């Protein structure tokens, strides 16, 4: 998930990412 907004005339981006590997 990423959230991007203009904040005080500047760009602010906040994000979280996750992954899982189910081995074969």
PDBML (XML) file of the C-alpha atoms, coordinates in Angstrom:
<?xml version="1.0" encoding="UTF-8" ?>
<PDBx:datablock datablockName="MODEL"
   xmlns:PDBx="http://pdbml.pdb.org/schema/pdbx-v50.xsd"
   xmlns:xsi="http://www.w3.org/2001/XMLSchema-instance"
   xsi:schemaLocation="http://pdbml.pdb.org/schema/pdbx-v50.xsd pdbx-v50.xsd">
   <PDBx:atom_siteCategory>
      <PDBx:atom_site id="1">
         <PDBx:B_iso_or_equiv>0.00</PDBx:B_iso_or_equiv>
         <PDBx:Cartn_x>0.000</PDBx:Cartn_x>
         <PDBx:Cartn_y>0.000</PDBx:Cartn_y>
         <PDBx:Cartn_z>0.000</PDBx:Cartn_z>
         <PDBx:auth_asym_id>A</PDBx:auth_asym_id>
         <PDBx:auth_atom_id>CA</PDBx:auth_atom_id>
         <PDBx:auth_comp_id>UNK</PDBx:auth_comp_id>
         <PDBx:auth_seq_id>1</PDBx:auth_seq_id>
         <PDBx:group_PDB>ATOM</PDBx:group_PDB>
         <PDBx:label_alt_id xsi:nil="true" />
         <PDBx:label_asym_id>A</PDBx:label_asym_id>
         <PDBx:label_atom_id>CA</PDBx:label_atom_id>
         <PDBx:label_comp_id>UNK</PDBx:label_comp_id>
         <PDBx:label_entity_id>1</PDBx:label_entity_id>
         <PDBx:label_seq_id>1</PDBx:label_seq_id>
         <PDBx:occupancy>1.00</PDBx:occupancy>
         <PDBx:pdbx_PDB_model_num>1</PDBx:pdbx_PDB_model_num>
         <PDBx:type_symbol>C</PDBx:type_symbol>
      </PDBx:atom_site>
      <PDBx:atom_site id="2">
         <PDBx:B_iso_or_equiv>0.00</PDBx:B_iso_or_equiv>
         <PDBx:Cartn_x>1.252</PDBx:Cartn_x>
         <PDBx:Cartn_y>3.502</PDBx:Cartn_y>
         <PDBx:Cartn_z>-0.823</PDBx:Cartn_z>
         <PDBx:auth_asym_id>A</PDBx:auth_asym_id>
         <PDBx:auth_atom_id>CA</PDBx:auth_atom_id>
         <PDBx:auth_comp_id>UNK</PDBx:auth_comp_id>
         <PDBx:auth_seq_id>2</PDBx:auth_seq_id>
         <PDBx:group_PDB>ATOM</PDBx:group_PDB>
         <PDBx:label_alt_id xsi:nil="true" />
         <PDBx:label_asym_id>A</PDBx:label_asym_id>
         <PDBx:label_atom_id>CA</PDBx:label_atom_id>
         <PDBx:label_comp_id>UNK</PDBx:label_comp_id>
         <PDBx:label_entity_id>1</PDBx:label_entity_id>
         <PDBx:label_seq_id>2</PDBx:label_seq_id>
         <PDBx:occupancy>1.00</PDBx:occupancy>
         <PDBx:pdbx_PDB_model_num>1</PDBx:pdbx_PDB_model_num>
         <PDBx:type_symbol>C</PDBx:type_symbol>
      </PDBx:atom_site>
      <PDBx:atom_site id="3">
         <PDBx:B_iso_or_equiv>0.00</PDBx:B_iso_or_equiv>
         <PDBx:Cartn_x>-0.219</PDBx:Cartn_x>
         <PDBx:Cartn_y>6.862</PDBx:Cartn_y>
         <PDBx:Cartn_z>0.093</PDBx:Cartn_z>
         <PDBx:auth_asym_id>A</PDBx:auth_asym_id>
         <PDBx:auth_atom_id>CA</PDBx:auth_atom_id>
         <PDBx:auth_comp_id>UNK</PDBx:auth_comp_id>
         <PDBx:auth_seq_id>3</PDBx:auth_seq_id>
         <PDBx:group_PDB>ATOM</PDBx:group_PDB>
         <PDBx:label_alt_id xsi:nil="true" />
         <PDBx:label_asym_id>A</PDBx:label_asym_id>
         <PDBx:label_atom_id>CA</PDBx:label_atom_id>
         <PDBx:label_comp_id>UNK</PDBx:label_comp_id>
         <PDBx:label_entity_id>1</PDBx:label_entity_id>
         <PDBx:label_seq_id>3</PDBx:label_seq_id>
         <PDBx:occupancy>1.00</PDBx:occupancy>
         <PDBx:pdbx_PDB_model_num>1</PDBx:pdbx_PDB_model_num>
         <PDBx:type_symbol>C</PDBx:type_symbol>
      </PDBx:atom_site>
      <PDBx:atom_site id="4">
         <PDBx:B_iso_or_equiv>0.00</PDBx:B_iso_or_equiv>
         <PDBx:Cartn_x>0.930</PDBx:Cartn_x>
         <PDBx:Cartn_y>10.023</PDBx:Cartn_y>
         <PDBx:Cartn_z>-1.690</PDBx:Cartn_z>
         <PDBx:auth_asym_id>A</PDBx:auth_asym_id>
         <PDBx:auth_atom_id>CA</PDBx:auth_atom_id>
         <PDBx:auth_comp_id>UNK</PDBx:auth_comp_id>
         <PDBx:auth_seq_id>4</PDBx:auth_seq_id>
         <PDBx:group_PDB>ATOM</PDBx:group_PDB>
         <PDBx:label_alt_id xsi:nil="true" />
         <PDBx:label_asym_id>A</PDBx:label_asym_id>
         <PDBx:label_atom_id>CA</PDBx:label_atom_id>
         <PDBx:label_comp_id>UNK</PDBx:label_comp_id>
         <PDBx:label_entity_id>1</PDBx:label_entity_id>
         <PDBx:label_seq_id>4</PDBx:label_seq_id>
         <PDBx:occupancy>1.00</PDBx:occupancy>
         <PDBx:pdbx_PDB_model_num>1</PDBx:pdbx_PDB_model_num>
         <PDBx:type_symbol>C</PDBx:type_symbol>
      </PDBx:atom_site>
      <PDBx:atom_site id="5">
         <PDBx:B_iso_or_equiv>0.00</PDBx:B_iso_or_equiv>
         <PDBx:Cartn_x>-0.168</PDBx:Cartn_x>
         <PDBx:Cartn_y>13.567</PDBx:Cartn_y>
         <PDBx:Cartn_z>-0.890</PDBx:Cartn_z>
         <PDBx:auth_asym_id>A</PDBx:auth_asym_id>
         <PDBx:auth_atom_id>CA</PDBx:auth_atom_id>
         <PDBx:auth_comp_id>UNK</PDBx:auth_comp_id>
         <PDBx:auth_seq_id>5</PDBx:auth_seq_id>
         <PDBx:group_PDB>ATOM</PDBx:group_PDB>
         <PDBx:label_alt_id xsi:nil="true" />
         <PDBx:label_asym_id>A</PDBx:label_asym_id>
         <PDBx:label_atom_id>CA</PDBx:label_atom_id>
         <PDBx:label_comp_id>UNK</PDBx:label_comp_id>
         <PDBx:label_entity_id>1</PDBx:label_entity_id>
         <PDBx:label_seq_id>5</PDBx:label_seq_id>
         <PDBx:occupancy>1.00</PDBx:occupancy>
         <PDBx:pdbx_PDB_model_num>1</PDBx:pdbx_PDB_model_num>
         <PDBx:type_symbol>C</PDBx:type_symbol>
      </PDBx:atom_site>
      <PDBx:atom_site id="6">
         <PDBx:B_iso_or_equiv>0.00</PDBx:B_iso_or_equiv>
         <PDBx:Cartn_x>0.938</PDBx:Cartn_x>
         <PDBx:Cartn_y>17.165</PDBx:Cartn_y>
         <PDBx:Cartn_z>-1.153</PDBx:Cartn_z>
         <PDBx:auth_asym_id>A</PDBx:auth_asym_id>
         <PDBx:auth_atom_id>CA</PDBx:auth_atom_id>
         <PDBx:auth_comp_id>UNK</PDBx:auth_comp_id>
         <PDBx:auth_seq_id>6</PDBx:auth_seq_id>
         <PDBx:group_PDB>ATOM</PDBx:group_PDB>
         <PDBx:label_alt_id xsi:nil="true" />
         <PDBx:label_asym_id>A</PDBx:label_asym_id>
         <PDBx:label_atom_id>CA</PDBx:label_atom_id>
         <PDBx:label_comp_id>UNK</PDBx:label_comp_id>
         <PDBx:label_entity_id>1</PDBx:label_entity_id>
         <PDBx:label_seq_id>6</PDBx:label_seq_id>
         <PDBx:occupancy>1.00</PDBx:occupancy>
         <PDBx:pdbx_PDB_model_num>1</PDBx:pdbx_PDB_model_num>
         <PDBx:type_symbol>C</PDBx:type_symbol>
      </PDBx:atom_site>
      <PDBx:atom_site id="7">
         <PDBx:B_iso_or_equiv>0.00</PDBx:B_iso_or_equiv>
         <PDBx:Cartn_x>2.049</PDBx:Cartn_x>
         <PDBx:Cartn_y>18.446</PDBx:Cartn_y>
         <PDBx:Cartn_z>2.239</PDBx:Cartn_z>
         <PDBx:auth_asym_id>A</PDBx:auth_asym_id>
         <PDBx:auth_atom_id>CA</PDBx:auth_atom_id>
         <PDBx:auth_comp_id>UNK</PDBx:auth_comp_id>
         <PDBx:auth_seq_id>7</PDBx:auth_seq_id>
         <PDBx:group_PDB>ATOM</PDBx:group_PDB>
         <PDBx:label_alt_id xsi:nil="true" />
         <PDBx:label_asym_id>A</PDBx:label_asym_id>
         <PDBx:label_atom_id>CA</PDBx:label_atom_id>
         <PDBx:label_comp_id>UNK</PDBx:label_comp_id>
         <PDBx:label_entity_id>1</PDBx:label_entity_id>
         <PDBx:label_seq_id>7</PDBx:label_seq_id>
         <PDBx:occupancy>1.00</PDBx:occupancy>
         <PDBx:pdbx_PDB_model_num>1</PDBx:pdbx_PDB_model_num>
         <PDBx:type_symbol>C</PDBx:type_symbol>
      </PDBx:atom_site>
      <PDBx:atom_site id="8">
         <PDBx:B_iso_or_equiv>0.00</PDBx:B_iso_or_equiv>
         <PDBx:Cartn_x>3.088</PDBx:Cartn_x>
         <PDBx:Cartn_y>22.092</PDBx:Cartn_y>
         <PDBx:Cartn_z>2.748</PDBx:Cartn_z>
         <PDBx:auth_asym_id>A</PDBx:auth_asym_id>
         <PDBx:auth_atom_id>CA</PDBx:auth_atom_id>
         <PDBx:auth_comp_id>UNK</PDBx:auth_comp_id>
         <PDBx:auth_seq_id>8</PDBx:auth_seq_id>
         <PDBx:group_PDB>ATOM</PDBx:group_PDB>
         <PDBx:label_alt_id xsi:nil="true" />
         <PDBx:label_asym_id>A</PDBx:label_asym_id>
         <PDBx:label_atom_id>CA</PDBx:label_atom_id>
         <PDBx:label_comp_id>UNK</PDBx:label_comp_id>
         <PDBx:label_entity_id>1</PDBx:label_entity_id>
         <PDBx:label_seq_id>8</PDBx:label_seq_id>
         <PDBx:occupancy>1.00</PDBx:occupancy>
         <PDBx:pdbx_PDB_model_num>1</PDBx:pdbx_PDB_model_num>
         <PDBx:type_symbol>C</PDBx:type_symbol>
      </PDBx:atom_site>
      <PDBx:atom_site id="9">
         <PDBx:B_iso_or_equiv>0.00</PDBx:B_iso_or_equiv>
         <PDBx:Cartn_x>3.906</PDBx:Cartn_x>
         <PDBx:Cartn_y>22.453</PDBx:Cartn_y>
         <PDBx:Cartn_z>-0.967</PDBx:Cartn_z>
         <PDBx:auth_asym_id>A</PDBx:auth_asym_id>
         <PDBx:auth_atom_id>CA</PDBx:auth_atom_id>
         <PDBx:auth_comp_id>UNK</PDBx:auth_comp_id>
         <PDBx:auth_seq_id>9</PDBx:auth_seq_id>
         <PDBx:group_PDB>ATOM</PDBx:group_PDB>
         <PDBx:label_alt_id xsi:nil="true" />
         <PDBx:label_asym_id>A</PDBx:label_asym_id>
         <PDBx:label_atom_id>CA</PDBx:label_atom_id>
         <PDBx:label_comp_id>UNK</PDBx:label_comp_id>
         <PDBx:label_entity_id>1</PDBx:label_entity_id>
         <PDBx:label_seq_id>9</PDBx:label_seq_id>
         <PDBx:occupancy>1.00</PDBx:occupancy>
         <PDBx:pdbx_PDB_model_num>1</PDBx:pdbx_PDB_model_num>
         <PDBx:type_symbol>C</PDBx:type_symbol>
      </PDBx:atom_site>
      <PDBx:atom_site id="10">
         <PDBx:B_iso_or_equiv>0.00</PDBx:B_iso_or_equiv>
         <PDBx:Cartn_x>5.990</PDBx:Cartn_x>
         <PDBx:Cartn_y>19.251</PDBx:Cartn_y>
         <PDBx:Cartn_z>-0.990</PDBx:Cartn_z>
         <PDBx:auth_asym_id>A</PDBx:auth_asym_id>
         <PDBx:auth_atom_id>CA</PDBx:auth_atom_id>
         <PDBx:auth_comp_id>UNK</PDBx:auth_comp_id>
         <PDBx:auth_seq_id>10</PDBx:auth_seq_id>
         <PDBx:group_PDB>ATOM</PDBx:group_PDB>
         <PDBx:label_alt_id xsi:nil="true" />
         <PDBx:label_asym_id>A</PDBx:label_asym_id>
         <PDBx:label_atom_id>CA</PDBx:label_atom_id>
         <PDBx:label_comp_id>UNK</PDBx:label_comp_id>
         <PDBx:label_entity_id>1</PDBx:label_entity_id>
         <PDBx:label_seq_id>10</PDBx:label_seq_id>
         <PDBx:occupancy>1.00</PDBx:occupancy>
         <PDBx:pdbx_PDB_model_num>1</PDBx:pdbx_PDB_model_num>
         <PDBx:type_symbol>C</PDBx:type_symbol>
      </PDBx:atom_site>
      <PDBx:atom_site id="11">
         <PDBx:B_iso_or_equiv>0.00</PDBx:B_iso_or_equiv>
         <PDBx:Cartn_x>5.213</PDBx:Cartn_x>
         <PDBx:Cartn_y>15.651</PDBx:Cartn_y>
         <PDBx:Cartn_z>-1.865</PDBx:Cartn_z>
         <PDBx:auth_asym_id>A</PDBx:auth_asym_id>
         <PDBx:auth_atom_id>CA</PDBx:auth_atom_id>
         <PDBx:auth_comp_id>UNK</PDBx:auth_comp_id>
         <PDBx:auth_seq_id>11</PDBx:auth_seq_id>
         <PDBx:group_PDB>ATOM</PDBx:group_PDB>
         <PDBx:label_alt_id xsi:nil="true" />
         <PDBx:label_asym_id>A</PDBx:label_asym_id>
         <PDBx:label_atom_id>CA</PDBx:label_atom_id>
         <PDBx:label_comp_id>UNK</PDBx:label_comp_id>
         <PDBx:label_entity_id>1</PDBx:label_entity_id>
         <PDBx:label_seq_id>11</PDBx:label_seq_id>
         <PDBx:occupancy>1.00</PDBx:occupancy>
         <PDBx:pdbx_PDB_model_num>1</PDBx:pdbx_PDB_model_num>
         <PDBx:type_symbol>C</PDBx:type_symbol>
      </PDBx:atom_site>
      <PDBx:atom_site id="12">
         <PDBx:B_iso_or_equiv>0.00</PDBx:B_iso_or_equiv>
         <PDBx:Cartn_x>4.943</PDBx:Cartn_x>
         <PDBx:Cartn_y>13.099</PDBx:Cartn_y>
         <PDBx:Cartn_z>0.950</PDBx:Cartn_z>
         <PDBx:auth_asym_id>A</PDBx:auth_asym_id>
         <PDBx:auth_atom_id>CA</PDBx:auth_atom_id>
         <PDBx:auth_comp_id>UNK</PDBx:auth_comp_id>
         <PDBx:auth_seq_id>12</PDBx:auth_seq_id>
         <PDBx:group_PDB>ATOM</PDBx:group_PDB>
         <PDBx:label_alt_id xsi:nil="true" />
         <PDBx:label_asym_id>A</PDBx:label_asym_id>
         <PDBx:label_atom_id>CA</PDBx:label_atom_id>
         <PDBx:label_comp_id>UNK</PDBx:label_comp_id>
         <PDBx:label_entity_id>1</PDBx:label_entity_id>
         <PDBx:label_seq_id>12</PDBx:label_seq_id>
         <PDBx:occupancy>1.00</PDBx:occupancy>
         <PDBx:pdbx_PDB_model_num>1</PDBx:pdbx_PDB_model_num>
         <PDBx:type_symbol>C</PDBx:type_symbol>
      </PDBx:atom_site>
      <PDBx:atom_site id="13">
         <PDBx:B_iso_or_equiv>0.00</PDBx:B_iso_or_equiv>
         <PDBx:Cartn_x>4.822</PDBx:Cartn_x>
         <PDBx:Cartn_y>9.348</PDBx:Cartn_y>
         <PDBx:Cartn_z>0.232</PDBx:Cartn_z>
         <PDBx:auth_asym_id>A</PDBx:auth_asym_id>
         <PDBx:auth_atom_id>CA</PDBx:auth_atom_id>
         <PDBx:auth_comp_id>UNK</PDBx:auth_comp_id>
         <PDBx:auth_seq_id>13</PDBx:auth_seq_id>
         <PDBx:group_PDB>ATOM</PDBx:group_PDB>
         <PDBx:label_alt_id xsi:nil="true" />
         <PDBx:label_asym_id>A</PDBx:label_asym_id>
         <PDBx:label_atom_id>CA</PDBx:label_atom_id>
         <PDBx:label_comp_id>UNK</PDBx:label_comp_id>
         <PDBx:label_entity_id>1</PDBx:label_entity_id>
         <PDBx:label_seq_id>13</PDBx:label_seq_id>
         <PDBx:occupancy>1.00</PDBx:occupancy>
         <PDBx:pdbx_PDB_model_num>1</PDBx:pdbx_PDB_model_num>
         <PDBx:type_symbol>C</PDBx:type_symbol>
      </PDBx:atom_site>
      <PDBx:atom_site id="14">
         <PDBx:B_iso_or_equiv>0.00</PDBx:B_iso_or_equiv>
         <PDBx:Cartn_x>4.255</PDBx:Cartn_x>
         <PDBx:Cartn_y>6.665</PDBx:Cartn_y>
         <PDBx:Cartn_z>2.867</PDBx:Cartn_z>
         <PDBx:auth_asym_id>A</PDBx:auth_asym_id>
         <PDBx:auth_atom_id>CA</PDBx:auth_atom_id>
         <PDBx:auth_comp_id>UNK</PDBx:auth_comp_id>
         <PDBx:auth_seq_id>14</PDBx:auth_seq_id>
         <PDBx:group_PDB>ATOM</PDBx:group_PDB>
         <PDBx:label_alt_id xsi:nil="true" />
         <PDBx:label_asym_id>A</PDBx:label_asym_id>
         <PDBx:label_atom_id>CA</PDBx:label_atom_id>
         <PDBx:label_comp_id>UNK</PDBx:label_comp_id>
         <PDBx:label_entity_id>1</PDBx:label_entity_id>
         <PDBx:label_seq_id>14</PDBx:label_seq_id>
         <PDBx:occupancy>1.00</PDBx:occupancy>
         <PDBx:pdbx_PDB_model_num>1</PDBx:pdbx_PDB_model_num>
         <PDBx:type_symbol>C</PDBx:type_symbol>
      </PDBx:atom_site>
      <PDBx:atom_site id="15">
         <PDBx:B_iso_or_equiv>0.00</PDBx:B_iso_or_equiv>
         <PDBx:Cartn_x>4.228</PDBx:Cartn_x>
         <PDBx:Cartn_y>2.968</PDBx:Cartn_y>
         <PDBx:Cartn_z>1.977</PDBx:Cartn_z>
         <PDBx:auth_asym_id>A</PDBx:auth_asym_id>
         <PDBx:auth_atom_id>CA</PDBx:auth_atom_id>
         <PDBx:auth_comp_id>UNK</PDBx:auth_comp_id>
         <PDBx:auth_seq_id>15</PDBx:auth_seq_id>
         <PDBx:group_PDB>ATOM</PDBx:group_PDB>
         <PDBx:label_alt_id xsi:nil="true" />
         <PDBx:label_asym_id>A</PDBx:label_asym_id>
         <PDBx:label_atom_id>CA</PDBx:label_atom_id>
         <PDBx:label_comp_id>UNK</PDBx:label_comp_id>
         <PDBx:label_entity_id>1</PDBx:label_entity_id>
         <PDBx:label_seq_id>15</PDBx:label_seq_id>
         <PDBx:occupancy>1.00</PDBx:occupancy>
         <PDBx:pdbx_PDB_model_num>1</PDBx:pdbx_PDB_model_num>
         <PDBx:type_symbol>C</PDBx:type_symbol>
      </PDBx:atom_site>
      <PDBx:atom_site id="16">
         <PDBx:B_iso_or_equiv>0.00</PDBx:B_iso_or_equiv>
         <PDBx:Cartn_x>4.222</PDBx:Cartn_x>
         <PDBx:Cartn_y>-0.554</PDBx:Cartn_y>
         <PDBx:Cartn_z>3.382</PDBx:Cartn_z>
         <PDBx:auth_asym_id>A</PDBx:auth_asym_id>
         <PDBx:auth_atom_id>CA</PDBx:auth_atom_id>
         <PDBx:auth_comp_id>UNK</PDBx:auth_comp_id>
         <PDBx:auth_seq_id>16</PDBx:auth_seq_id>
         <PDBx:group_PDB>ATOM</PDBx:group_PDB>
         <PDBx:label_alt_id xsi:nil="true" />
         <PDBx:label_asym_id>A</PDBx:label_asym_id>
         <PDBx:label_atom_id>CA</PDBx:label_atom_id>
         <PDBx:label_comp_id>UNK</PDBx:label_comp_id>
         <PDBx:label_entity_id>1</PDBx:label_entity_id>
         <PDBx:label_seq_id>16</PDBx:label_seq_id>
         <PDBx:occupancy>1.00</PDBx:occupancy>
         <PDBx:pdbx_PDB_model_num>1</PDBx:pdbx_PDB_model_num>
         <PDBx:type_symbol>C</PDBx:type_symbol>
      </PDBx:atom_site>
      <PDBx:atom_site id="17">
         <PDBx:B_iso_or_equiv>0.00</PDBx:B_iso_or_equiv>
         <PDBx:Cartn_x>5.045</PDBx:Cartn_x>
         <PDBx:Cartn_y>-3.741</PDBx:Cartn_y>
         <PDBx:Cartn_z>1.467</PDBx:Cartn_z>
         <PDBx:auth_asym_id>A</PDBx:auth_asym_id>
         <PDBx:auth_atom_id>CA</PDBx:auth_atom_id>
         <PDBx:auth_comp_id>UNK</PDBx:auth_comp_id>
         <PDBx:auth_seq_id>17</PDBx:auth_seq_id>
         <PDBx:group_PDB>ATOM</PDBx:group_PDB>
         <PDBx:label_alt_id xsi:nil="true" />
         <PDBx:label_asym_id>A</PDBx:label_asym_id>
         <PDBx:label_atom_id>CA</PDBx:label_atom_id>
         <PDBx:label_comp_id>UNK</PDBx:label_comp_id>
         <PDBx:label_entity_id>1</PDBx:label_entity_id>
         <PDBx:label_seq_id>17</PDBx:label_seq_id>
         <PDBx:occupancy>1.00</PDBx:occupancy>
         <PDBx:pdbx_PDB_model_num>1</PDBx:pdbx_PDB_model_num>
         <PDBx:type_symbol>C</PDBx:type_symbol>
      </PDBx:atom_site>
      <PDBx:atom_site id="18">
         <PDBx:B_iso_or_equiv>0.00</PDBx:B_iso_or_equiv>
         <PDBx:Cartn_x>5.087</PDBx:Cartn_x>
         <PDBx:Cartn_y>-7.397</PDBx:Cartn_y>
         <PDBx:Cartn_z>2.450</PDBx:Cartn_z>
         <PDBx:auth_asym_id>A</PDBx:auth_asym_id>
         <PDBx:auth_atom_id>CA</PDBx:auth_atom_id>
         <PDBx:auth_comp_id>UNK</PDBx:auth_comp_id>
         <PDBx:auth_seq_id>18</PDBx:auth_seq_id>
         <PDBx:group_PDB>ATOM</PDBx:group_PDB>
         <PDBx:label_alt_id xsi:nil="true" />
         <PDBx:label_asym_id>A</PDBx:label_asym_id>
         <PDBx:label_atom_id>CA</PDBx:label_atom_id>
         <PDBx:label_comp_id>UNK</PDBx:label_comp_id>
         <PDBx:label_entity_id>1</PDBx:label_entity_id>
         <PDBx:label_seq_id>18</PDBx:label_seq_id>
         <PDBx:occupancy>1.00</PDBx:occupancy>
         <PDBx:pdbx_PDB_model_num>1</PDBx:pdbx_PDB_model_num>
         <PDBx:type_symbol>C</PDBx:type_symbol>
      </PDBx:atom_site>
      <PDBx:atom_site id="19">
         <PDBx:B_iso_or_equiv>0.00</PDBx:B_iso_or_equiv>
         <PDBx:Cartn_x>5.906</PDBx:Cartn_x>
         <PDBx:Cartn_y>-10.728</PDBx:Cartn_y>
         <PDBx:Cartn_z>0.834</PDBx:Cartn_z>
         <PDBx:auth_asym_id>A</PDBx:auth_asym_id>
         <PDBx:auth_atom_id>CA</PDBx:auth_atom_id>
         <PDBx:auth_comp_id>UNK</PDBx:auth_comp_id>
         <PDBx:auth_seq_id>19</PDBx:auth_seq_id>
         <PDBx:group_PDB>ATOM</PDBx:group_PDB>
         <PDBx:label_alt_id xsi:nil="true" />
         <PDBx:label_asym_id>A</PDBx:label_asym_id>
         <PDBx:label_atom_id>CA</PDBx:label_atom_id>
         <PDBx:label_comp_id>UNK</PDBx:label_comp_id>
         <PDBx:label_entity_id>1</PDBx:label_entity_id>
         <PDBx:label_seq_id>19</PDBx:label_seq_id>
         <PDBx:occupancy>1.00</PDBx:occupancy>
         <PDBx:pdbx_PDB_model_num>1</PDBx:pdbx_PDB_model_num>
         <PDBx:type_symbol>C</PDBx:type_symbol>
      </PDBx:atom_site>
      <PDBx:atom_site id="20">
         <PDBx:B_iso_or_equiv>0.00</PDBx:B_iso_or_equiv>
         <PDBx:Cartn_x>5.745</PDBx:Cartn_x>
         <PDBx:Cartn_y>-14.433</PDBx:Cartn_y>
         <PDBx:Cartn_z>1.589</PDBx:Cartn_z>
         <PDBx:auth_asym_id>A</PDBx:auth_asym_id>
         <PDBx:auth_atom_id>CA</PDBx:auth_atom_id>
         <PDBx:auth_comp_id>UNK</PDBx:auth_comp_id>
         <PDBx:auth_seq_id>20</PDBx:auth_seq_id>
         <PDBx:group_PDB>ATOM</PDBx:group_PDB>
         <PDBx:label_alt_id xsi:nil="true" />
         <PDBx:label_asym_id>A</PDBx:label_asym_id>
         <PDBx:label_atom_id>CA</PDBx:label_atom_id>
         <PDBx:label_comp_id>UNK</PDBx:label_comp_id>
         <PDBx:label_entity_id>1</PDBx:label_entity_id>
         <PDBx:label_seq_id>20</PDBx:label_seq_id>
         <PDBx:occupancy>1.00</PDBx:occupancy>
         <PDBx:pdbx_PDB_model_num>1</PDBx:pdbx_PDB_model_num>
         <PDBx:type_symbol>C</PDBx:type_symbol>
      </PDBx:atom_site>
      <PDBx:atom_site id="21">
         <PDBx:B_iso_or_equiv>0.00</PDBx:B_iso_or_equiv>
         <PDBx:Cartn_x>7.500</PDBx:Cartn_x>
         <PDBx:Cartn_y>-17.342</PDBx:Cartn_y>
         <PDBx:Cartn_z>-0.142</PDBx:Cartn_z>
         <PDBx:auth_asym_id>A</PDBx:auth_asym_id>
         <PDBx:auth_atom_id>CA</PDBx:auth_atom_id>
         <PDBx:auth_comp_id>UNK</PDBx:auth_comp_id>
         <PDBx:auth_seq_id>21</PDBx:auth_seq_id>
         <PDBx:group_PDB>ATOM</PDBx:group_PDB>
         <PDBx:label_alt_id xsi:nil="true" />
         <PDBx:label_asym_id>A</PDBx:label_asym_id>
         <PDBx:label_atom_id>CA</PDBx:label_atom_id>
         <PDBx:label_comp_id>UNK</PDBx:label_comp_id>
         <PDBx:label_entity_id>1</PDBx:label_entity_id>
         <PDBx:label_seq_id>21</PDBx:label_seq_id>
         <PDBx:occupancy>1.00</PDBx:occupancy>
         <PDBx:pdbx_PDB_model_num>1</PDBx:pdbx_PDB_model_num>
         <PDBx:type_symbol>C</PDBx:type_symbol>
      </PDBx:atom_site>
      <PDBx:atom_site id="22">
         <PDBx:B_iso_or_equiv>0.00</PDBx:B_iso_or_equiv>
         <PDBx:Cartn_x>5.851</PDBx:Cartn_x>
         <PDBx:Cartn_y>-20.742</PDBx:Cartn_y>
         <PDBx:Cartn_z>0.092</PDBx:Cartn_z>
         <PDBx:auth_asym_id>A</PDBx:auth_asym_id>
         <PDBx:auth_atom_id>CA</PDBx:auth_atom_id>
         <PDBx:auth_comp_id>UNK</PDBx:auth_comp_id>
         <PDBx:auth_seq_id>22</PDBx:auth_seq_id>
         <PDBx:group_PDB>ATOM</PDBx:group_PDB>
         <PDBx:label_alt_id xsi:nil="true" />
         <PDBx:label_asym_id>A</PDBx:label_asym_id>
         <PDBx:label_atom_id>CA</PDBx:label_atom_id>
         <PDBx:label_comp_id>UNK</PDBx:label_comp_id>
         <PDBx:label_entity_id>1</PDBx:label_entity_id>
         <PDBx:label_seq_id>22</PDBx:label_seq_id>
         <PDBx:occupancy>1.00</PDBx:occupancy>
         <PDBx:pdbx_PDB_model_num>1</PDBx:pdbx_PDB_model_num>
         <PDBx:type_symbol>C</PDBx:type_symbol>
      </PDBx:atom_site>
      <PDBx:atom_site id="23">
         <PDBx:B_iso_or_equiv>0.00</PDBx:B_iso_or_equiv>
         <PDBx:Cartn_x>8.722</PDBx:Cartn_x>
         <PDBx:Cartn_y>-23.019</PDBx:Cartn_y>
         <PDBx:Cartn_z>-1.049</PDBx:Cartn_z>
         <PDBx:auth_asym_id>A</PDBx:auth_asym_id>
         <PDBx:auth_atom_id>CA</PDBx:auth_atom_id>
         <PDBx:auth_comp_id>UNK</PDBx:auth_comp_id>
         <PDBx:auth_seq_id>23</PDBx:auth_seq_id>
         <PDBx:group_PDB>ATOM</PDBx:group_PDB>
         <PDBx:label_alt_id xsi:nil="true" />
         <PDBx:label_asym_id>A</PDBx:label_asym_id>
         <PDBx:label_atom_id>CA</PDBx:label_atom_id>
         <PDBx:label_comp_id>UNK</PDBx:label_comp_id>
         <PDBx:label_entity_id>1</PDBx:label_entity_id>
         <PDBx:label_seq_id>23</PDBx:label_seq_id>
         <PDBx:occupancy>1.00</PDBx:occupancy>
         <PDBx:pdbx_PDB_model_num>1</PDBx:pdbx_PDB_model_num>
         <PDBx:type_symbol>C</PDBx:type_symbol>
      </PDBx:atom_site>
      <PDBx:atom_site id="24">
         <PDBx:B_iso_or_equiv>0.00</PDBx:B_iso_or_equiv>
         <PDBx:Cartn_x>8.141</PDBx:Cartn_x>
         <PDBx:Cartn_y>-25.974</PDBx:Cartn_y>
         <PDBx:Cartn_z>-3.324</PDBx:Cartn_z>
         <PDBx:auth_asym_id>A</PDBx:auth_asym_id>
         <PDBx:auth_atom_id>CA</PDBx:auth_atom_id>
         <PDBx:auth_comp_id>UNK</PDBx:auth_comp_id>
         <PDBx:auth_seq_id>24</PDBx:auth_seq_id>
         <PDBx:group_PDB>ATOM</PDBx:group_PDB>
         <PDBx:label_alt_id xsi:nil="true" />
         <PDBx:label_asym_id>A</PDBx:label_asym_id>
         <PDBx:label_atom_id>CA</PDBx:label_atom_id>
         <PDBx:label_comp_id>UNK</PDBx:label_comp_id>
         <PDBx:label_entity_id>1</PDBx:label_entity_id>
         <PDBx:label_seq_id>24</PDBx:label_seq_id>
         <PDBx:occupancy>1.00</PDBx:occupancy>
         <PDBx:pdbx_PDB_model_num>1</PDBx:pdbx_PDB_model_num>
         <PDBx:type_symbol>C</PDBx:type_symbol>
      </PDBx:atom_site>
   </PDBx:atom_siteCategory>
</PDBx:datablock>
